[in-house]
Amino acid sequence: MRNLKAEQAALLMQIVSDHYPNQQILHITDCGTDLHDYLFKMTKERGFEYDLRHTVDTPPPITGGDGHPAFRVEPLDLRRRAYNKHARLYEYVFVTLDEESLAESLEEMLKKIFRLMKNSGVLVFLLKKRGPLEGKIDKLLEDGYFVAVNHIDIFDDFDVVNARKMHGWGAYSVGF
């Protein structure tokens, strides 16, 4: 597991607005980084809901993992038909997956993520710099009806790519 620098991770946490109470955050991860620790701490401090879905056999260790009543951790099979087995919609979705496996199924994954996000929700990818998705991610997000795609250069080894889900933009919004 790769440890992120605390000051850089703190900058990333600023993406999440603290103006609204009880926000829902989903994190899909293969536990390649310790971003889950930072998200856990931030959601606990702000009183937000945090759903951690891991694609590995054992759940990631959470530093100070007790005392957060709105924290759920479950395994996730990326091939399953839908990622959300509850009627919950998320304001923020963070994705930290291995890019080689992500590149194979990203279009299908974006369709599933689109359906579980609130309108104007924010999708955030943490991608390796100079990785296989570097030149393709913007087009894939736009084709998946995510808008306002931005790259944020705050990490030494990672590119932060974020985009917004907009209501009524294309086929994904009508439930295909």
C-alpha atoms as a PDB file:
ATOM      1  CA  MET A   1       0.000   0.000   0.000  1.00  0.00           C
ATOM      2  CA  ARG A   2       1.240   3.446  -0.894  1.00  0.00           C
ATOM      3  CA  ASN A   3       1.051   6.113   1.772  1.00  0.00           C
ATOM      4  CA  LEU A   4      -0.044   9.541   0.627  1.00  0.00           C
ATOM      5  CA  LYS A   5       1.593  12.621   2.077  1.00  0.00           C
ATOM      6  CA  ALA A   6      -0.635  14.144   4.742  1.00  0.00           C
ATOM      7  CA  GLU A   7      -0.465  17.716   3.425  1.00  0.00           C
ATOM      8  CA  GLN A   8      -1.321  16.589  -0.114  1.00  0.00           C
ATOM      9  CA  ALA A   9      -4.193  14.410   1.114  1.00  0.00           C
ATOM     10  CA  ALA A  10      -5.493  17.361   3.147  1.00  0.00           C
ATOM     11  CA  LEU A  11      -5.661  19.383  -0.068  1.00  0.00           C
ATOM     12  CA  LEU A  12      -7.645  16.579  -1.700  1.00  0.00           C
ATOM     13  CA  MET A  13     -10.113  16.544   1.208  1.00  0.00           C
ATOM     14  CA  GLN A  14     -10.936  20.175   0.350  1.00  0.00           C
ATOM     15  CA  ILE A  15     -12.824  18.858  -2.701  1.00  0.00           C
ATOM     16  CA  VAL A  16     -15.518  17.729  -0.290  1.00  0.00           C
ATOM     17  CA  SER A  17     -17.671  20.693   0.681  1.00  0.00           C
ATOM     18  CA  ASP A  18     -18.433  21.119   4.365  1.00  0.00           C
ATOM     19  CA  HIS A  19     -21.313  23.546   3.755  1.00  0.00           C
ATOM     20  CA  TYR A  20     -23.972  20.828   3.789  1.00  0.00           C
ATOM     21  CA  PRO A  21     -24.662  18.331   6.588  1.00  0.00           C
ATOM     22  CA  ASN A  22     -24.945  14.563   6.291  1.00  0.00           C
ATOM     23  CA  GLN A  23     -23.310  14.054   2.921  1.00  0.00           C
ATOM     24  CA  GLN A  24     -22.750  10.563   1.530  1.00  0.00           C
ATOM     25  CA  ILE A  25     -19.347   9.516   0.228  1.00  0.00           C
ATOM     26  CA  LEU A  26     -18.484   6.300  -1.594  1.00  0.00           C
ATOM     27  CA  HIS A  27     -14.927   5.075  -2.050  1.00  0.00           C
ATOM     28  CA  ILE A  28     -14.183   2.218  -4.456  1.00  0.00           C
ATOM     29  CA  THR A  29     -10.669   0.951  -3.854  1.00  0.00           C
ATOM     30  CA  ASP A  30      -8.218  -1.883  -4.337  1.00  0.00           C
ATOM     31  CA  CYS A  31      -6.344  -0.602  -1.262  1.00  0.00           C
ATOM     32  CA  GLY A  32      -3.352   0.541  -3.309  1.00  0.00           C
ATOM     33  CA  THR A  33      -3.180   3.785  -1.306  1.00  0.00           C
ATOM     34  CA  ASP A  34      -4.166   4.865   2.179  1.00  0.00           C
ATOM     35  CA  LEU A  35      -6.745   7.396   0.937  1.00  0.00           C
ATOM     36  CA  HIS A  36      -9.382   5.495   2.923  1.00  0.00           C
ATOM     37  CA  ASP A  37      -7.701   6.619   6.177  1.00  0.00           C
ATOM     38  CA  TYR A  38      -7.991  10.280   5.183  1.00  0.00           C
ATOM     39  CA  LEU A  39     -11.584   9.899   3.998  1.00  0.00           C
ATOM     40  CA  PHE A  40     -12.487   8.053   7.195  1.00  0.00           C
ATOM     41  CA  LYS A  41     -11.018  10.781   9.383  1.00  0.00           C
ATOM     42  CA  MET A  42     -12.633  13.605   7.379  1.00  0.00           C
ATOM     43  CA  THR A  43     -16.088  11.997   7.309  1.00  0.00           C
ATOM     44  CA  LYS A  44     -15.919  11.208  11.015  1.00  0.00           C
ATOM     45  CA  GLU A  45     -14.982  14.818  11.866  1.00  0.00           C
ATOM     46  CA  ARG A  46     -17.723  16.290   9.639  1.00  0.00           C
ATOM     47  CA  GLY A  47     -20.435  13.765  10.494  1.00  0.00           C
ATOM     48  CA  PHE A  48     -20.747  12.466   6.911  1.00  0.00           C
ATOM     49  CA  GLU A  49     -21.634   8.955   5.787  1.00  0.00           C
ATOM     50  CA  TYR A  50     -18.753   6.924   4.364  1.00  0.00           C
ATOM     51  CA  ASP A  51     -19.144   3.711   2.395  1.00  0.00           C
ATOM     52  CA  LEU A  52     -15.888   1.937   1.609  1.00  0.00           C
ATOM     53  CA  ARG A  53     -16.119  -0.758  -1.075  1.00  0.00           C
ATOM     54  CA  HIS A  54     -12.944  -2.796  -1.544  1.00  0.00           C
ATOM     55  CA  THR A  55     -12.077  -5.139  -4.400  1.00  0.00           C
ATOM     56  CA  VAL A  56      -9.516  -7.170  -2.424  1.00  0.00           C
ATOM     57  CA  ASP A  57     -10.038 -10.232  -0.238  1.00  0.00           C
ATOM     58  CA  THR A  58      -9.487  -8.532   3.102  1.00  0.00           C
ATOM     59  CA  PRO A  59     -10.744  -5.086   4.057  1.00  0.00           C
ATOM     60  CA  PRO A  60      -8.151  -2.350   4.425  1.00  0.00           C
ATOM     61  CA  PRO A  61      -7.038  -1.482   7.940  1.00  0.00           C
ATOM     62  CA  ILE A  62      -8.543   1.787   9.123  1.00  0.00           C
ATOM     63  CA  THR A  63      -6.469   3.904  11.484  1.00  0.00           C
ATOM     64  CA  GLY A  64      -8.694   4.723  14.468  1.00  0.00           C
ATOM     65  CA  GLY A  65     -11.485   2.642  12.911  1.00  0.00           C
ATOM     66  CA  ASP A  66     -13.982   2.837  15.730  1.00  0.00           C
ATOM     67  CA  GLY A  67     -16.400   5.514  16.804  1.00  0.00           C
ATOM     68  CA  HIS A  68     -17.771   6.427  13.364  1.00  0.00           C
ATOM     69  CA  PRO A  69     -21.461   5.517  13.368  1.00  0.00           C
ATOM     70  CA  ALA A  70     -21.962   6.215   9.637  1.00  0.00           C
ATOM     71  CA  PHE A  71     -19.089   4.084   8.315  1.00  0.00           C
ATOM     72  CA  ARG A  72     -19.691   0.921   6.323  1.00  0.00           C
ATOM     73  CA  VAL A  73     -17.125  -1.338   4.678  1.00  0.00           C
ATOM     74  CA  GLU A  74     -18.035  -4.113   2.234  1.00  0.00           C
ATOM     75  CA  PRO A  75     -16.393  -6.081  -0.564  1.00  0.00           C
ATOM     76  CA  LEU A  76     -17.286  -5.151  -4.150  1.00  0.00           C
ATOM     77  CA  ASP A  77     -17.161  -7.231  -7.305  1.00  0.00           C
ATOM     78  CA  LEU A  78     -16.633  -4.782 -10.162  1.00  0.00           C
ATOM     79  CA  ARG A  79     -18.384  -7.169 -12.555  1.00  0.00           C
ATOM     80  CA  ARG A  80     -21.647  -7.165 -10.664  1.00  0.00           C
ATOM     81  CA  ARG A  81     -24.681  -5.636 -12.352  1.00  0.00           C
ATOM     82  CA  ALA A  82     -24.970  -2.662  -9.997  1.00  0.00           C
ATOM     83  CA  TYR A  83     -22.680  -1.289  -7.297  1.00  0.00           C
ATOM     84  CA  ASN A  84     -25.415  -0.009  -5.021  1.00  0.00           C
ATOM     85  CA  LYS A  85     -27.562  -2.533  -3.217  1.00  0.00           C
ATOM     86  CA  HIS A  86     -29.231   0.176  -1.155  1.00  0.00           C
ATOM     87  CA  ALA A  87     -31.298   3.084  -2.415  1.00  0.00           C
ATOM     88  CA  ARG A  88     -28.507   5.432  -1.360  1.00  0.00           C
ATOM     89  CA  LEU A  89     -27.231   8.155  -3.696  1.00  0.00           C
ATOM     90  CA  TYR A  90     -23.821   9.718  -3.162  1.00  0.00           C
ATOM     91  CA  GLU A  91     -22.596  13.291  -3.449  1.00  0.00           C
ATOM     92  CA  TYR A  92     -18.991  12.142  -3.861  1.00  0.00           C
ATOM     93  CA  VAL A  93     -17.475   8.998  -5.328  1.00  0.00           C
ATOM     94  CA  PHE A  94     -13.736   8.404  -4.995  1.00  0.00           C
ATOM     95  CA  VAL A  95     -12.081   5.719  -7.135  1.00  0.00           C
ATOM     96  CA  THR A  96      -8.604   4.375  -6.378  1.00  0.00           C
ATOM     97  CA  LEU A  97      -8.188   1.256  -8.500  1.00  0.00           C
ATOM     98  CA  ASP A  98      -5.300  -0.237 -10.447  1.00  0.00           C
ATOM     99  CA  GLU A  99      -5.364   1.485 -13.828  1.00  0.00           C
ATOM    100  CA  GLU A 100      -4.563  -1.586 -15.897  1.00  0.00           C
ATOM    101  CA  SER A 101      -7.691  -3.386 -14.683  1.00  0.00           C
ATOM    102  CA  LEU A 102      -9.666  -0.139 -14.613  1.00  0.00           C
ATOM    103  CA  ALA A 103      -8.883   0.603 -18.265  1.00  0.00           C
ATOM    104  CA  GLU A 104     -10.514  -2.662 -19.350  1.00  0.00           C
ATOM    105  CA  SER A 105     -13.913  -1.913 -17.818  1.00  0.00           C
ATOM    106  CA  LEU A 106     -14.021   1.836 -17.279  1.00  0.00           C
ATOM    107  CA  GLU A 107     -16.919   2.562 -19.643  1.00  0.00           C
ATOM    108  CA  GLU A 108     -19.156   0.001 -17.941  1.00  0.00           C
ATOM    109  CA  MET A 109     -18.012   1.160 -14.521  1.00  0.00           C
ATOM    110  CA  LEU A 110     -18.905   4.782 -15.329  1.00  0.00           C
ATOM    111  CA  LYS A 111     -22.454   3.701 -16.218  1.00  0.00           C
ATOM    112  CA  LYS A 112     -22.827   2.003 -12.834  1.00  0.00           C
ATOM    113  CA  ILE A 113     -21.337   4.948 -10.955  1.00  0.00           C
ATOM    114  CA  PHE A 114     -23.555   7.417 -12.840  1.00  0.00           C
ATOM    115  CA  ARG A 115     -26.675   5.638 -11.544  1.00  0.00           C
ATOM    116  CA  LEU A 116     -25.642   5.825  -7.901  1.00  0.00           C
ATOM    117  CA  MET A 117     -24.660   9.496  -7.808  1.00  0.00           C
ATOM    118  CA  LYS A 118     -26.807  12.481  -6.968  1.00  0.00           C
ATOM    119  CA  ASN A 119     -27.226  15.125  -9.632  1.00  0.00           C
ATOM    120  CA  SER A 120     -24.203  17.432  -9.699  1.00  0.00           C
ATOM    121  CA  GLY A 121     -22.303  14.850  -7.633  1.00  0.00           C
ATOM    122  CA  VAL A 122     -18.524  14.781  -7.905  1.00  0.00           C
ATOM    123  CA  LEU A 123     -16.544  11.795  -9.185  1.00  0.00           C
ATOM    124  CA  VAL A 124     -12.850  11.738  -8.239  1.00  0.00           C
ATOM    125  CA  PHE A 125     -10.208   9.401  -9.676  1.00  0.00           C
ATOM    126  CA  LEU A 126      -6.706   9.096  -8.267  1.00  0.00           C
ATOM    127  CA  LEU A 127      -4.612   7.925 -11.243  1.00  0.00           C
ATOM    128  CA  LYS A 128      -0.903   7.270 -11.597  1.00  0.00           C
ATOM    129  CA  LYS A 129       0.894   9.990 -13.507  1.00  0.00           C
ATOM    130  CA  ARG A 130       1.884   8.777 -16.966  1.00  0.00           C
ATOM    131  CA  GLY A 131      -0.414   5.770 -16.533  1.00  0.00           C
ATOM    132  CA  PRO A 132      -2.444   4.009 -19.224  1.00  0.00           C
ATOM    133  CA  LEU A 133      -5.493   6.253 -18.760  1.00  0.00           C
ATOM    134  CA  GLU A 134      -3.640   9.559 -18.905  1.00  0.00           C
ATOM    135  CA  GLY A 135      -4.679  10.509 -22.432  1.00  0.00           C
ATOM    136  CA  LYS A 136      -8.071   8.765 -22.418  1.00  0.00           C
ATOM    137  CA  ILE A 137      -9.791   9.597 -19.128  1.00  0.00           C
ATOM    138  CA  ASP A 138     -11.242  12.961 -20.201  1.00  0.00           C
ATOM    139  CA  LYS A 139     -12.928  11.527 -23.284  1.00  0.00           C
ATOM    140  CA  LEU A 140     -14.244   8.503 -21.376  1.00  0.00           C
ATOM    141  CA  LEU A 141     -15.746  10.733 -18.692  1.00  0.00           C
ATOM    142  CA  GLU A 142     -17.350  13.038 -21.240  1.00  0.00           C
ATOM    143  CA  ASP A 143     -18.719  10.046 -23.176  1.00  0.00           C
ATOM    144  CA  GLY A 144     -20.132   8.810 -19.850  1.00  0.00           C
ATOM    145  CA  TYR A 145     -22.005  12.132 -19.421  1.00  0.00           C
ATOM    146  CA  PHE A 146     -19.743  13.548 -16.754  1.00  0.00           C
ATOM    147  CA  VAL A 147     -18.931  17.212 -17.277  1.00  0.00           C
ATOM    148  CA  ALA A 148     -16.499  19.830 -15.984  1.00  0.00           C
ATOM    149  CA  VAL A 149     -13.577  17.405 -16.089  1.00  0.00           C
ATOM    150  CA  ASN A 150     -10.565  18.809 -14.237  1.00  0.00           C
ATOM    151  CA  HIS A 151      -7.079  17.606 -13.422  1.00  0.00           C
ATOM    152  CA  ILE A 152      -5.603  18.714 -10.110  1.00  0.00           C
ATOM    153  CA  ASP A 153      -1.855  18.443  -9.629  1.00  0.00           C
ATOM    154  CA  ILE A 154      -1.398  18.073  -5.871  1.00  0.00           C
ATOM    155  CA  PHE A 155       0.345  14.693  -5.598  1.00  0.00           C
ATOM    156  CA  ASP A 156       3.844  13.777  -6.699  1.00  0.00           C
ATOM    157  CA  ASP A 157       2.865  10.390  -8.151  1.00  0.00           C
ATOM    158  CA  PHE A 158      -0.859  10.759  -8.831  1.00  0.00           C
ATOM    159  CA  ASP A 159      -3.127  12.839 -11.017  1.00  0.00           C
ATOM    160  CA  VAL A 160      -6.453  13.782  -9.433  1.00  0.00           C
ATOM    161  CA  VAL A 161      -9.190  13.796 -12.069  1.00  0.00           C
ATOM    162  CA  ASN A 162     -12.615  15.013 -11.055  1.00  0.00           C
ATOM    163  CA  ALA A 163     -15.872  15.486 -12.927  1.00  0.00           C
ATOM    164  CA  ARG A 164     -19.535  16.200 -12.197  1.00  0.00           C
ATOM    165  CA  LYS A 165     -22.644  14.238 -12.965  1.00  0.00           C
ATOM    166  CA  MET A 166     -25.216  16.470 -14.585  1.00  0.00           C
ATOM    167  CA  HIS A 167     -28.953  15.764 -14.613  1.00  0.00           C
ATOM    168  CA  GLY A 168     -30.575  14.898 -17.901  1.00  0.00           C
ATOM    169  CA  TRP A 169     -27.373  14.417 -19.891  1.00  0.00           C
ATOM    170  CA  GLY A 170     -27.775  11.380 -22.080  1.00  0.00           C
ATOM    171  CA  ALA A 171     -28.850   7.762 -21.895  1.00  0.00           C
ATOM    172  CA  TYR A 172     -27.360   6.908 -18.475  1.00  0.00           C
ATOM    173  CA  SER A 173     -29.731   9.262 -16.711  1.00  0.00           C
ATOM    174  CA  VAL A 174     -32.836   7.399 -17.937  1.00  0.00           C
ATOM    175  CA  GLY A 175     -31.767   4.093 -16.449  1.00  0.00           C
ATOM    176  CA  PHE A 176     -30.208   2.108 -19.288  1.00  0.00           C
END
